[in-house]
Amino acid sequence: MAKRHEIYRCEVCGNMVQVLHGGAGQLVCCGKPMKLLTENTTDAAQEKHVPVIERSEGGFLVKVGSVAHPMIEEHHIEWIELIVDGRACRVFLKPGDKPEAFFPVEGEQVVAREHCNLHGLWKAEA
């Protein structure tokens, strides 16, 4: 059963989808079930992946890692998402961008997620 905000990836073509409305059906792409991405929360890699959430005037700044994550073609952050009180906002990044995003939203329950093209999905809560 797919649940709201879960992220799935096709292991054949790389398509990635986020569930907007949960349901009992199975997500399928290229004729095969899609894989649910697990949210990593502990960084064992040399480079830092765990999002760092900073509350600031007018919103939240999310940086990827306590040390800036590489942003080169071969290894980069594809997107950063902030879920605040159940509302999701996402910023897409490309190689050469800074591995951070500002979200002009306010709220109490805050979760940040980001996706690295090599090391997958990472999550932190504030």
PDB file of N, CA and C in Angstrom:
ATOM      1  N   MET A   1       0.844  -1.183   0.000  1.00  0.00           N
ATOM      2  CA  MET A   1       0.000   0.000   0.000  1.00  0.00           C
ATOM      3  C   MET A   1       0.886   1.243   0.000  1.00  0.00           C
ATOM      4  N   ALA A   2       0.719   2.087  -0.974  1.00  0.00           N
ATOM      5  CA  ALA A   2       1.481   3.330  -1.067  1.00  0.00           C
ATOM      6  C   ALA A   2       0.876   4.383  -0.139  1.00  0.00           C
ATOM      7  N   LYS A   3       1.749   5.114   0.550  1.00  0.00           N
ATOM      8  CA  LYS A   3       1.304   6.142   1.489  1.00  0.00           C
ATOM      9  C   LYS A   3       1.719   7.524   1.003  1.00  0.00           C
ATOM     10  N   ARG A   4       0.970   8.525   1.431  1.00  0.00           N
ATOM     11  CA  ARG A   4       1.227   9.912   1.038  1.00  0.00           C
ATOM     12  C   ARG A   4       2.674  10.304   1.345  1.00  0.00           C
ATOM     13  N   HIS A   5       3.297  10.992   0.420  1.00  0.00           N
ATOM     14  CA  HIS A   5       4.663  11.518   0.472  1.00  0.00           C
ATOM     15  C   HIS A   5       5.743  10.458   0.260  1.00  0.00           C
ATOM     16  N   GLU A   6       5.381   9.170   0.118  1.00  0.00           N
ATOM     17  CA  GLU A   6       6.407   8.176  -0.177  1.00  0.00           C
ATOM     18  C   GLU A   6       6.941   8.424  -1.586  1.00  0.00           C
ATOM     19  N   ILE A   7       8.208   8.059  -1.787  1.00  0.00           N
ATOM     20  CA  ILE A   7       8.846   8.249  -3.086  1.00  0.00           C
ATOM     21  C   ILE A   7       9.276   6.886  -3.613  1.00  0.00           C
ATOM     22  N   TYR A   8       8.920   6.621  -4.872  1.00  0.00           N
ATOM     23  CA  TYR A   8       9.234   5.360  -5.529  1.00  0.00           C
ATOM     24  C   TYR A   8      10.089   5.637  -6.765  1.00  0.00           C
ATOM     25  N   ARG A   9      10.957   4.662  -7.097  1.00  0.00           N
ATOM     26  CA  ARG A   9      11.835   4.798  -8.259  1.00  0.00           C
ATOM     27  C   ARG A   9      11.763   3.518  -9.094  1.00  0.00           C
ATOM     28  N   CYS A  10      11.743   3.703 -10.402  1.00  0.00           N
ATOM     29  CA  CYS A  10      11.795   2.575 -11.331  1.00  0.00           C
ATOM     30  C   CYS A  10      13.255   2.153 -11.476  1.00  0.00           C
ATOM     31  N   GLU A  11      13.521   0.872 -11.240  1.00  0.00           N
ATOM     32  CA  GLU A  11      14.893   0.385 -11.336  1.00  0.00           C
ATOM     33  C   GLU A  11      15.317   0.119 -12.779  1.00  0.00           C
ATOM     34  N   VAL A  12      14.380   0.241 -13.726  1.00  0.00           N
ATOM     35  CA  VAL A  12      14.704   0.041 -15.136  1.00  0.00           C
ATOM     36  C   VAL A  12      15.066   1.373 -15.794  1.00  0.00           C
ATOM     37  N   CYS A  13      14.169   2.363 -15.710  1.00  0.00           N
ATOM     38  CA  CYS A  13      14.373   3.622 -16.436  1.00  0.00           C
ATOM     39  C   CYS A  13      14.740   4.805 -15.545  1.00  0.00           C
ATOM     40  N   GLY A  14      14.595   4.659 -14.222  1.00  0.00           N
ATOM     41  CA  GLY A  14      14.951   5.746 -13.311  1.00  0.00           C
ATOM     42  C   GLY A  14      13.834   6.720 -13.003  1.00  0.00           C
ATOM     43  N   ASN A  15      12.635   6.520 -13.581  1.00  0.00           N
ATOM     44  CA  ASN A  15      11.511   7.399 -13.238  1.00  0.00           C
ATOM     45  C   ASN A  15      11.324   7.417 -11.729  1.00  0.00           C
ATOM     46  N   MET A  16      10.972   8.591 -11.192  1.00  0.00           N
ATOM     47  CA  MET A  16      10.745   8.735  -9.762  1.00  0.00           C
ATOM     48  C   MET A  16       9.395   9.405  -9.571  1.00  0.00           C
ATOM     49  N   VAL A  17       8.585   8.877  -8.631  1.00  0.00           N
ATOM     50  CA  VAL A  17       7.267   9.449  -8.362  1.00  0.00           C
ATOM     51  C   VAL A  17       7.071   9.620  -6.863  1.00  0.00           C
ATOM     52  N   GLN A  18       6.279  10.636  -6.505  1.00  0.00           N
ATOM     53  CA  GLN A  18       5.893  10.843  -5.117  1.00  0.00           C
ATOM     54  C   GLN A  18       4.394  10.621  -5.018  1.00  0.00           C
ATOM     55  N   VAL A  19       3.985   9.889  -3.999  1.00  0.00           N
ATOM     56  CA  VAL A  19       2.574   9.580  -3.806  1.00  0.00           C
ATOM     57  C   VAL A  19       1.863  10.809  -3.244  1.00  0.00           C
ATOM     58  N   LEU A  20       0.819  11.249  -3.935  1.00  0.00           N
ATOM     59  CA  LEU A  20       0.015  12.379  -3.477  1.00  0.00           C
ATOM     60  C   LEU A  20      -1.204  11.915  -2.707  1.00  0.00           C
ATOM     61  N   HIS A  21      -1.727  10.757  -3.100  1.00  0.00           N
ATOM     62  CA  HIS A  21      -2.893  10.182  -2.427  1.00  0.00           C
ATOM     63  C   HIS A  21      -2.644   8.683  -2.302  1.00  0.00           C
ATOM     64  N   GLY A  22      -2.525   8.199  -1.080  1.00  0.00           N
ATOM     65  CA  GLY A  22      -2.226   6.793  -0.853  1.00  0.00           C
ATOM     66  C   GLY A  22      -3.343   5.880  -1.323  1.00  0.00           C
ATOM     67  N   GLY A  23      -2.970   4.669  -1.676  1.00  0.00           N
ATOM     68  CA  GLY A  23      -3.951   3.696  -2.126  1.00  0.00           C
ATOM     69  C   GLY A  23      -3.404   2.288  -2.041  1.00  0.00           C
ATOM     70  N   ALA A  24      -4.263   1.325  -2.335  1.00  0.00           N
ATOM     71  CA  ALA A  24      -3.900  -0.081  -2.186  1.00  0.00           C
ATOM     72  C   ALA A  24      -3.149  -0.637  -3.388  1.00  0.00           C
ATOM     73  N   GLY A  25      -3.188   0.035  -4.518  1.00  0.00           N
ATOM     74  CA  GLY A  25      -2.561  -0.487  -5.722  1.00  0.00           C
ATOM     75  C   GLY A  25      -1.048  -0.478  -5.656  1.00  0.00           C
ATOM     76  N   GLN A  26      -0.432  -1.253  -6.550  1.00  0.00           N
ATOM     77  CA  GLN A  26       1.019  -1.322  -6.638  1.00  0.00           C
ATOM     78  C   GLN A  26       1.485  -0.382  -7.744  1.00  0.00           C
ATOM     79  N   LEU A  27       2.539   0.375  -7.483  1.00  0.00           N
ATOM     80  CA  LEU A  27       3.089   1.271  -8.494  1.00  0.00           C
ATOM     81  C   LEU A  27       3.999   0.462  -9.415  1.00  0.00           C
ATOM     82  N   VAL A  28       3.748   0.567 -10.725  1.00  0.00           N
ATOM     83  CA  VAL A  28       4.470  -0.218 -11.720  1.00  0.00           C
ATOM     84  C   VAL A  28       4.991   0.710 -12.807  1.00  0.00           C
ATOM     85  N   CYS A  29       6.224   0.463 -13.252  1.00  0.00           N
ATOM     86  CA  CYS A  29       6.825   1.204 -14.363  1.00  0.00           C
ATOM     87  C   CYS A  29       7.672   0.211 -15.156  1.00  0.00           C
ATOM     88  N   CYS A  30       7.692   0.338 -16.451  1.00  0.00           N
ATOM     89  CA  CYS A  30       8.460  -0.560 -17.325  1.00  0.00           C
ATOM     90  C   CYS A  30       8.116  -2.030 -17.069  1.00  0.00           C
ATOM     91  N   GLY A  31       6.848  -2.274 -16.669  1.00  0.00           N
ATOM     92  CA  GLY A  31       6.384  -3.630 -16.446  1.00  0.00           C
ATOM     93  C   GLY A  31       6.830  -4.266 -15.138  1.00  0.00           C
ATOM     94  N   LYS A  32       7.492  -3.484 -14.266  1.00  0.00           N
ATOM     95  CA  LYS A  32       7.980  -4.028 -12.994  1.00  0.00           C
ATOM     96  C   LYS A  32       7.543  -3.138 -11.839  1.00  0.00           C
ATOM     97  N   PRO A  33       7.364  -3.718 -10.631  1.00  0.00           N
ATOM     98  CA  PRO A  33       7.019  -2.902  -9.468  1.00  0.00           C
ATOM     99  C   PRO A  33       8.110  -1.873  -9.184  1.00  0.00           C
ATOM    100  N   MET A  34       7.679  -0.672  -8.819  1.00  0.00           N
ATOM    101  CA  MET A  34       8.640   0.375  -8.474  1.00  0.00           C
ATOM    102  C   MET A  34       9.152   0.132  -7.060  1.00  0.00           C
ATOM    103  N   LYS A  35      10.367   0.607  -6.783  1.00  0.00           N
ATOM    104  CA  LYS A  35      11.009   0.405  -5.484  1.00  0.00           C
ATOM    105  C   LYS A  35      10.756   1.612  -4.586  1.00  0.00           C
ATOM    106  N   LEU A  36      10.282   1.336  -3.368  1.00  0.00           N
ATOM    107  CA  LEU A  36      10.109   2.390  -2.370  1.00  0.00           C
ATOM    108  C   LEU A  36      11.481   2.837  -1.896  1.00  0.00           C
ATOM    109  N   LEU A  37      11.757   4.147  -1.962  1.00  0.00           N
ATOM    110  CA  LEU A  37      13.036   4.665  -1.484  1.00  0.00           C
ATOM    111  C   LEU A  37      12.984   4.833   0.027  1.00  0.00           C
ATOM    112  N   THR A  38      13.998   4.340   0.698  1.00  0.00           N
ATOM    113  CA  THR A  38      14.114   4.453   2.146  1.00  0.00           C
ATOM    114  C   THR A  38      14.809   5.760   2.485  1.00  0.00           C
ATOM    115  N   GLU A  39      14.273   6.477   3.467  1.00  0.00           N
ATOM    116  CA  GLU A  39      14.863   7.749   3.887  1.00  0.00           C
ATOM    117  C   GLU A  39      16.011   7.481   4.848  1.00  0.00           C
ATOM    118  N   ASN A  40      17.233   7.764   4.416  1.00  0.00           N
ATOM    119  CA  ASN A  40      18.396   7.640   5.283  1.00  0.00           C
ATOM    120  C   ASN A  40      18.436   8.830   6.228  1.00  0.00           C
ATOM    121  N   THR A  41      18.868   8.596   7.462  1.00  0.00           N
ATOM    122  CA  THR A  41      18.938   9.677   8.446  1.00  0.00           C
ATOM    123  C   THR A  41      20.307   9.790   9.101  1.00  0.00           C
ATOM    124  N   THR A  42      21.172   8.794   8.916  1.00  0.00           N
ATOM    125  CA  THR A  42      22.511   8.816   9.491  1.00  0.00           C
ATOM    126  C   THR A  42      23.511   8.795   8.359  1.00  0.00           C
ATOM    127  N   ASP A  43      24.481   9.695   8.413  1.00  0.00           N
ATOM    128  CA  ASP A  43      25.438   9.829   7.322  1.00  0.00           C
ATOM    129  C   ASP A  43      26.711   9.053   7.613  1.00  0.00           C
ATOM    130  N   ALA A  44      26.897   7.939   6.920  1.00  0.00           N
ATOM    131  CA  ALA A  44      28.115   7.157   7.068  1.00  0.00           C
ATOM    132  C   ALA A  44      29.080   7.443   5.924  1.00  0.00           C
ATOM    133  N   ALA A  45      28.630   8.195   4.930  1.00  0.00           N
ATOM    134  CA  ALA A  45      29.471   8.519   3.786  1.00  0.00           C
ATOM    135  C   ALA A  45      30.444   9.634   4.153  1.00  0.00           C
ATOM    136  N   GLN A  46      31.523   9.721   3.430  1.00  0.00           N
ATOM    137  CA  GLN A  46      32.516  10.760   3.699  1.00  0.00           C
ATOM    138  C   GLN A  46      31.894  12.137   3.501  1.00  0.00           C
ATOM    139  N   GLU A  47      31.197  12.334   2.388  1.00  0.00           N
ATOM    140  CA  GLU A  47      30.513  13.604   2.194  1.00  0.00           C
ATOM    141  C   GLU A  47      29.207  13.579   2.969  1.00  0.00           C
ATOM    142  N   LYS A  48      28.737  14.732   3.360  1.00  0.00           N
ATOM    143  CA  LYS A  48      27.541  14.808   4.205  1.00  0.00           C
ATOM    144  C   LYS A  48      26.289  14.865   3.345  1.00  0.00           C
ATOM    145  N   HIS A  49      25.273  14.092   3.746  1.00  0.00           N
ATOM    146  CA  HIS A  49      24.012  14.050   3.017  1.00  0.00           C
ATOM    147  C   HIS A  49      22.811  14.473   3.846  1.00  0.00           C
ATOM    148  N   VAL A  50      22.904  14.362   5.159  1.00  0.00           N
ATOM    149  CA  VAL A  50      21.750  14.650   6.003  1.00  0.00           C
ATOM    150  C   VAL A  50      21.408  16.141   5.915  1.00  0.00           C
ATOM    151  N   PRO A  51      20.159  16.480   5.571  1.00  0.00           N
ATOM    152  CA  PRO A  51      19.772  17.896   5.481  1.00  0.00           C
ATOM    153  C   PRO A  51      19.926  18.609   6.830  1.00  0.00           C
ATOM    154  N   VAL A  52      20.352  19.866   6.757  1.00  0.00           N
ATOM    155  CA  VAL A  52      20.455  20.725   7.934  1.00  0.00           C
ATOM    156  C   VAL A  52      19.394  21.809   7.772  1.00  0.00           C
ATOM    157  N   ILE A  53      18.463  21.878   8.722  1.00  0.00           N
ATOM    158  CA  ILE A  53      17.341  22.821   8.644  1.00  0.00           C
ATOM    159  C   ILE A  53      17.621  24.003   9.555  1.00  0.00           C
ATOM    160  N   GLU A  54      17.591  25.209   8.983  1.00  0.00           N
ATOM    161  CA  GLU A  54      17.788  26.429   9.758  1.00  0.00           C
ATOM    162  C   GLU A  54      16.529  27.276   9.655  1.00  0.00           C
ATOM    163  N   ARG A  55      15.913  27.542  10.810  1.00  0.00           N
ATOM    164  CA  ARG A  55      14.742  28.424  10.832  1.00  0.00           C
ATOM    165  C   ARG A  55      15.263  29.855  10.762  1.00  0.00           C
ATOM    166  N   SER A  56      14.715  30.640   9.853  1.00  0.00           N
ATOM    167  CA  SER A  56      15.132  32.035   9.734  1.00  0.00           C
ATOM    168  C   SER A  56      13.894  32.902   9.549  1.00  0.00           C
ATOM    169  N   GLU A  57      14.097  34.197   9.558  1.00  0.00           N
ATOM    170  CA  GLU A  57      12.970  35.109   9.384  1.00  0.00           C
ATOM    171  C   GLU A  57      12.332  34.866   8.025  1.00  0.00           C
ATOM    172  N   GLY A  58      11.061  34.548   8.041  1.00  0.00           N
ATOM    173  CA  GLY A  58      10.331  34.354   6.792  1.00  0.00           C
ATOM    174  C   GLY A  58      10.355  32.952   6.237  1.00  0.00           C
ATOM    175  N   GLY A  59      10.978  31.995   6.940  1.00  0.00           N
ATOM    176  CA  GLY A  59      10.968  30.644   6.407  1.00  0.00           C
ATOM    177  C   GLY A  59      12.072  29.755   6.932  1.00  0.00           C
ATOM    178  N   PHE A  60      12.493  28.816   6.077  1.00  0.00           N
ATOM    179  CA  PHE A  60      13.511  27.837   6.447  1.00  0.00           C
ATOM    180  C   PHE A  60      14.562  27.747   5.348  1.00  0.00           C
ATOM    181  N   LEU A  61      15.823  27.677   5.763  1.00  0.00           N
ATOM    182  CA  LEU A  61      16.922  27.413   4.845  1.00  0.00           C
ATOM    183  C   LEU A  61      17.344  25.971   5.076  1.00  0.00           C
ATOM    184  N   VAL A  62      17.389  25.181   4.006  1.00  0.00           N
ATOM    185  CA  VAL A  62      17.822  23.788   4.100  1.00  0.00           C
ATOM    186  C   VAL A  62      19.131  23.658   3.336  1.00  0.00           C
ATOM    187  N   LYS A  63      20.167  23.229   4.052  1.00  0.00           N
ATOM    188  CA  LYS A  63      21.474  22.969   3.448  1.00  0.00           C
ATOM    189  C   LYS A  63      21.697  21.466   3.473  1.00  0.00           C
ATOM    190  N   VAL A  64      22.374  20.958   2.454  1.00  0.00           N
ATOM    191  CA  VAL A  64      22.636  19.525   2.398  1.00  0.00           C
ATOM    192  C   VAL A  64      23.976  19.245   3.062  1.00  0.00           C
ATOM    193  N   GLY A  65      23.897  18.719   4.294  1.00  0.00           N
ATOM    194  CA  GLY A  65      25.081  18.360   5.061  1.00  0.00           C
ATOM    195  C   GLY A  65      25.683  19.515   5.827  1.00  0.00           C
ATOM    196  N   SER A  66      26.459  19.173   6.842  1.00  0.00           N
ATOM    197  CA  SER A  66      27.175  20.196   7.602  1.00  0.00           C
ATOM    198  C   SER A  66      28.393  20.671   6.825  1.00  0.00           C
ATOM    199  N   VAL A  67      28.828  19.888   5.852  1.00  0.00           N
ATOM    200  CA  VAL A  67      29.854  20.262   4.880  1.00  0.00           C
ATOM    201  C   VAL A  67      29.153  20.236   3.529  1.00  0.00           C
ATOM    202  N   ALA A  68      29.354  21.270   2.720  1.00  0.00           N
ATOM    203  CA  ALA A  68      28.640  21.371   1.439  1.00  0.00           C
ATOM    204  C   ALA A  68      28.828  20.117   0.579  1.00  0.00           C
ATOM    205  N   HIS A  69      27.720  19.599   0.088  1.00  0.00           N
ATOM    206  CA  HIS A  69      27.719  18.415  -0.772  1.00  0.00           C
ATOM    207  C   HIS A  69      28.260  18.786  -2.147  1.00  0.00           C
ATOM    208  N   PRO A  70      29.005  17.880  -2.814  1.00  0.00           N
ATOM    209  CA  PRO A  70      29.467  18.156  -4.181  1.00  0.00           C
ATOM    210  C   PRO A  70      28.285  18.422  -5.116  1.00  0.00           C
ATOM    211  N   MET A  71      28.501  19.290  -6.077  1.00  0.00           N
ATOM    212  CA  MET A  71      27.459  19.589  -7.062  1.00  0.00           C
ATOM    213  C   MET A  71      28.058  19.537  -8.464  1.00  0.00           C
ATOM    214  N   ILE A  72      28.635  18.369  -8.785  1.00  0.00           N
ATOM    215  CA  ILE A  72      29.208  18.152 -10.109  1.00  0.00           C
ATOM    216  C   ILE A  72      28.310  17.176 -10.871  1.00  0.00           C
ATOM    217  N   GLU A  73      28.480  17.098 -12.167  1.00  0.00           N
ATOM    218  CA  GLU A  73      27.616  16.262 -13.010  1.00  0.00           C
ATOM    219  C   GLU A  73      27.544  14.819 -12.500  1.00  0.00           C
ATOM    220  N   GLU A  74      28.670  14.263 -12.084  1.00  0.00           N
ATOM    221  CA  GLU A  74      28.719  12.870 -11.667  1.00  0.00           C
ATOM    222  C   GLU A  74      28.134  12.628 -10.273  1.00  0.00           C
ATOM    223  N   HIS A  75      28.038  13.679  -9.456  1.00  0.00           N
ATOM    224  CA  HIS A  75      27.609  13.516  -8.058  1.00  0.00           C
ATOM    225  C   HIS A  75      26.992  14.821  -7.578  1.00  0.00           C
ATOM    226  N   HIS A  76      25.663  14.829  -7.456  1.00  0.00           N
ATOM    227  CA  HIS A  76      24.993  16.073  -7.078  1.00  0.00           C
ATOM    228  C   HIS A  76      23.639  15.803  -6.417  1.00  0.00           C
ATOM    229  N   ILE A  77      23.110  16.842  -5.815  1.00  0.00           N
ATOM    230  CA  ILE A  77      21.780  16.802  -5.219  1.00  0.00           C
ATOM    231  C   ILE A  77      20.781  17.176  -6.308  1.00  0.00           C
ATOM    232  N   GLU A  78      19.797  16.310  -6.537  1.00  0.00           N
ATOM    233  CA  GLU A  78      18.811  16.553  -7.589  1.00  0.00           C
ATOM    234  C   GLU A  78      17.693  17.478  -7.123  1.00  0.00           C
ATOM    235  N   TRP A  79      17.283  17.336  -5.862  1.00  0.00           N
ATOM    236  CA  TRP A  79      16.221  18.193  -5.335  1.00  0.00           C
ATOM    237  C   TRP A  79      16.238  18.196  -3.815  1.00  0.00           C
ATOM    238  N   ILE A  80      15.656  19.265  -3.262  1.00  0.00           N
ATOM    239  CA  ILE A  80      15.458  19.406  -1.823  1.00  0.00           C
ATOM    240  C   ILE A  80      13.973  19.659  -1.613  1.00  0.00           C
ATOM    241  N   GLU A  81      13.396  18.967  -0.630  1.00  0.00           N
ATOM    242  CA  GLU A  81      11.973  19.111  -0.334  1.00  0.00           C
ATOM    243  C   GLU A  81      11.805  19.467   1.139  1.00  0.00           C
ATOM    244  N   LEU A  82      10.842  20.333   1.424  1.00  0.00           N
ATOM    245  CA  LEU A  82      10.489  20.658   2.800  1.00  0.00           C
ATOM    246  C   LEU A  82       9.004  20.371   2.976  1.00  0.00           C
ATOM    247  N   ILE A  83       8.685  19.581   4.002  1.00  0.00           N
ATOM    248  CA  ILE A  83       7.292  19.298   4.335  1.00  0.00           C
ATOM    249  C   ILE A  83       7.018  19.989   5.663  1.00  0.00           C
ATOM    250  N   VAL A  84       6.131  20.986   5.630  1.00  0.00           N
ATOM    251  CA  VAL A  84       5.810  21.784   6.812  1.00  0.00           C
ATOM    252  C   VAL A  84       4.324  21.634   7.105  1.00  0.00           C
ATOM    253  N   ASP A  85       4.026  21.075   8.268  1.00  0.00           N
ATOM    254  CA  ASP A  85       2.634  20.862   8.677  1.00  0.00           C
ATOM    255  C   ASP A  85       1.823  20.182   7.569  1.00  0.00           C
ATOM    256  N   GLY A  86       2.445  19.203   6.903  1.00  0.00           N
ATOM    257  CA  GLY A  86       1.764  18.430   5.872  1.00  0.00           C
ATOM    258  C   GLY A  86       1.804  19.014   4.470  1.00  0.00           C
ATOM    259  N   ARG A  87       2.327  20.243   4.317  1.00  0.00           N
ATOM    260  CA  ARG A  87       2.431  20.875   2.990  1.00  0.00           C
ATOM    261  C   ARG A  87       3.834  20.662   2.442  1.00  0.00           C
ATOM    262  N   ALA A  88       3.940  20.214   1.196  1.00  0.00           N
ATOM    263  CA  ALA A  88       5.240  19.920   0.599  1.00  0.00           C
ATOM    264  C   ALA A  88       5.644  20.986  -0.411  1.00  0.00           C
ATOM    265  N   CYS A  89       6.919  21.393  -0.334  1.00  0.00           N
ATOM    266  CA  CYS A  89       7.521  22.330  -1.286  1.00  0.00           C
ATOM    267  C   CYS A  89       8.832  21.695  -1.751  1.00  0.00           C
ATOM    268  N   ARG A  90       9.165  21.855  -3.036  1.00  0.00           N
ATOM    269  CA  ARG A  90      10.384  21.242  -3.560  1.00  0.00           C
ATOM    270  C   ARG A  90      11.112  22.221  -4.473  1.00  0.00           C
ATOM    271  N   VAL A  91      12.448  22.185  -4.389  1.00  0.00           N
ATOM    272  CA  VAL A  91      13.309  22.967  -5.273  1.00  0.00           C
ATOM    273  C   VAL A  91      14.214  21.977  -6.006  1.00  0.00           C
ATOM    274  N   PHE A  92      14.239  22.060  -7.334  1.00  0.00           N
ATOM    275  CA  PHE A  92      15.107  21.208  -8.136  1.00  0.00           C
ATOM    276  C   PHE A  92      16.436  21.917  -8.345  1.00  0.00           C
ATOM    277  N   LEU A  93      17.530  21.165  -8.227  1.00  0.00           N
ATOM    278  CA  LEU A  93      18.876  21.710  -8.389  1.00  0.00           C
ATOM    279  C   LEU A  93      19.544  21.057  -9.588  1.00  0.00           C
ATOM    280  N   LYS A  94      20.635  21.672 -10.022  1.00  0.00           N
ATOM    281  CA  LYS A  94      21.428  21.110 -11.111  1.00  0.00           C
ATOM    282  C   LYS A  94      22.902  21.256 -10.758  1.00  0.00           C
ATOM    283  N   PRO A  95      23.768  20.495 -11.406  1.00  0.00           N
ATOM    284  CA  PRO A  95      25.195  20.634 -11.124  1.00  0.00           C
ATOM    285  C   PRO A  95      25.623  22.101 -11.240  1.00  0.00           C
ATOM    286  N   GLY A  96      26.452  22.527 -10.285  1.00  0.00           N
ATOM    287  CA  GLY A  96      26.910  23.912 -10.242  1.00  0.00           C
ATOM    288  C   GLY A  96      26.128  24.777  -9.271  1.00  0.00           C
ATOM    289  N   ASP A  97      24.887  24.385  -8.929  1.00  0.00           N
ATOM    290  CA  ASP A  97      24.094  25.128  -7.938  1.00  0.00           C
ATOM    291  C   ASP A  97      24.661  24.893  -6.542  1.00  0.00           C
ATOM    292  N   LYS A  98      24.319  25.790  -5.612  1.00  0.00           N
ATOM    293  CA  LYS A  98      24.647  25.550  -4.211  1.00  0.00           C
ATOM    294  C   LYS A  98      23.703  24.465  -3.688  1.00  0.00           C
ATOM    295  N   PRO A  99      24.199  23.557  -2.839  1.00  0.00           N
ATOM    296  CA  PRO A  99      23.348  22.485  -2.316  1.00  0.00           C
ATOM    297  C   PRO A  99      22.486  22.969  -1.148  1.00  0.00           C
ATOM    298  N   GLU A 100      21.632  23.935  -1.441  1.00  0.00           N
ATOM    299  CA  GLU A 100      20.746  24.501  -0.425  1.00  0.00           C
ATOM    300  C   GLU A 100      19.532  25.126  -1.093  1.00  0.00           C
ATOM    301  N   ALA A 101      18.489  25.349  -0.279  1.00  0.00           N
ATOM    302  CA  ALA A 101      17.269  25.980  -0.793  1.00  0.00           C
ATOM    303  C   ALA A 101      16.570  26.706   0.349  1.00  0.00           C
ATOM    304  N   PHE A 102      15.966  27.861   0.028  1.00  0.00           N
ATOM    305  CA  PHE A 102      15.184  28.618   1.000  1.00  0.00           C
ATOM    306  C   PHE A 102      13.707  28.409   0.688  1.00  0.00           C
ATOM    307  N   PHE A 103      12.946  28.143   1.741  1.00  0.00           N
ATOM    308  CA  PHE A 103      11.510  27.917   1.606  1.00  0.00           C
ATOM    309  C   PHE A 103      10.779  28.970   2.435  1.00  0.00           C
ATOM    310  N   PRO A 104      10.051  29.893   1.794  1.00  0.00           N
ATOM    311  CA  PRO A 104       9.353  30.966   2.520  1.00  0.00           C
ATOM    312  C   PRO A 104       8.023  30.493   3.101  1.00  0.00           C
ATOM    313  N   VAL A 105       8.094  29.589   4.068  1.00  0.00           N
ATOM    314  CA  VAL A 105       6.908  29.034   4.720  1.00  0.00           C
ATOM    315  C   VAL A 105       7.130  29.033   6.229  1.00  0.00           C
ATOM    316  N   GLU A 106       6.039  29.022   6.962  1.00  0.00           N
ATOM    317  CA  GLU A 106       6.096  28.956   8.427  1.00  0.00           C
ATOM    318  C   GLU A 106       5.342  27.720   8.881  1.00  0.00           C
ATOM    319  N   GLY A 107       5.732  27.176  10.018  1.00  0.00           N
ATOM    320  CA  GLY A 107       5.036  26.025  10.560  1.00  0.00           C
ATOM    321  C   GLY A 107       5.793  25.407  11.707  1.00  0.00           C
ATOM    322  N   GLU A 108       5.206  24.366  12.275  1.00  0.00           N
ATOM    323  CA  GLU A 108       5.778  23.723  13.461  1.00  0.00           C
ATOM    324  C   GLU A 108       6.396  22.357  13.158  1.00  0.00           C
ATOM    325  N   GLN A 109       5.674  21.521  12.427  1.00  0.00           N
ATOM    326  CA  GLN A 109       6.194  20.188  12.105  1.00  0.00           C
ATOM    327  C   GLN A 109       6.964  20.277  10.793  1.00  0.00           C
ATOM    328  N   VAL A 110       8.290  20.129  10.873  1.00  0.00           N
ATOM    329  CA  VAL A 110       9.151  20.379   9.717  1.00  0.00           C
ATOM    330  C   VAL A 110      10.018  19.153   9.419  1.00  0.00           C
ATOM    331  N   VAL A 111       9.951  18.697   8.171  1.00  0.00           N
ATOM    332  CA  VAL A 111      10.764  17.584   7.692  1.00  0.00           C
ATOM    333  C   VAL A 111      11.422  18.027   6.392  1.00  0.00           C
ATOM    334  N   ALA A 112      12.730  17.804   6.282  1.00  0.00           N
ATOM    335  CA  ALA A 112      13.444  18.099   5.039  1.00  0.00           C
ATOM    336  C   ALA A 112      13.936  16.787   4.444  1.00  0.00           C
ATOM    337  N   ARG A 113      13.827  16.677   3.120  1.00  0.00           N
ATOM    338  CA  ARG A 113      14.355  15.522   2.404  1.00  0.00           C
ATOM    339  C   ARG A 113      15.121  16.026   1.195  1.00  0.00           C
ATOM    340  N   GLU A 114      16.115  15.246   0.803  1.00  0.00           N
ATOM    341  CA  GLU A 114      16.849  15.568  -0.420  1.00  0.00           C
ATOM    342  C   GLU A 114      17.251  14.274  -1.096  1.00  0.00           C
ATOM    343  N   HIS A 115      17.488  14.378  -2.400  1.00  0.00           N
ATOM    344  CA  HIS A 115      17.869  13.186  -3.155  1.00  0.00           C
ATOM    345  C   HIS A 115      19.199  13.413  -3.855  1.00  0.00           C
ATOM    346  N   CYS A 116      20.172  12.549  -3.527  1.00  0.00           N
ATOM    347  CA  CYS A 116      21.491  12.557  -4.160  1.00  0.00           C
ATOM    348  C   CYS A 116      21.450  11.558  -5.318  1.00  0.00           C
ATOM    349  N   ASN A 117      21.986  11.948  -6.466  1.00  0.00           N
ATOM    350  CA  ASN A 117      21.934  11.062  -7.628  1.00  0.00           C
ATOM    351  C   ASN A 117      22.705   9.756  -7.410  1.00  0.00           C
ATOM    352  N   LEU A 118      23.667   9.735  -6.478  1.00  0.00           N
ATOM    353  CA  LEU A 118      24.422   8.507  -6.206  1.00  0.00           C
ATOM    354  C   LEU A 118      24.001   7.787  -4.925  1.00  0.00           C
ATOM    355  N   HIS A 119      23.634   8.540  -3.899  1.00  0.00           N
ATOM    356  CA  HIS A 119      23.429   7.953  -2.574  1.00  0.00           C
ATOM    357  C   HIS A 119      21.988   7.977  -2.083  1.00  0.00           C
ATOM    358  N   GLY A 120      21.050   8.362  -2.944  1.00  0.00           N
ATOM    359  CA  GLY A 120      19.642   8.226  -2.627  1.00  0.00           C
ATOM    360  C   GLY A 120      19.021   9.300  -1.759  1.00  0.00           C
ATOM    361  N   LEU A 121      17.970   8.892  -1.047  1.00  0.00           N
ATOM    362  CA  LEU A 121      17.087   9.792  -0.310  1.00  0.00           C
ATOM    363  C   LEU A 121      17.543   9.955   1.139  1.00  0.00           C
ATOM    364  N   TRP A 122      17.560  11.225   1.607  1.00  0.00           N
ATOM    365  CA  TRP A 122      17.995  11.556   2.966  1.00  0.00           C
ATOM    366  C   TRP A 122      16.959  12.444   3.626  1.00  0.00           C
ATOM    367  N   LYS A 123      16.850  12.330   4.959  1.00  0.00           N
ATOM    368  CA  LYS A 123      15.794  13.031   5.690  1.00  0.00           C
ATOM    369  C   LYS A 123      16.315  13.564   7.020  1.00  0.00           C
ATOM    370  N   ALA A 124      15.747  14.709   7.436  1.00  0.00           N
ATOM    371  CA  ALA A 124      15.987  15.260   8.774  1.00  0.00           C
ATOM    372  C   ALA A 124      14.710  15.942   9.231  1.00  0.00           C
ATOM    373  N   GLU A 125      14.510  15.991  10.541  1.00  0.00           N
ATOM    374  CA  GLU A 125      13.361  16.681  11.123  1.00  0.00           C
ATOM    375  C   GLU A 125      13.858  17.789  12.029  1.00  0.00           C
ATOM    376  N   ALA A 126      13.083  18.877  12.089  1.00  0.00           N
ATOM    377  CA  ALA A 126      13.459  19.994  12.965  1.00  0.00           C
ATOM    378  C   ALA A 126      12.525  20.037  14.155  1.00  0.00           C
TER     379      ALA A 126
END
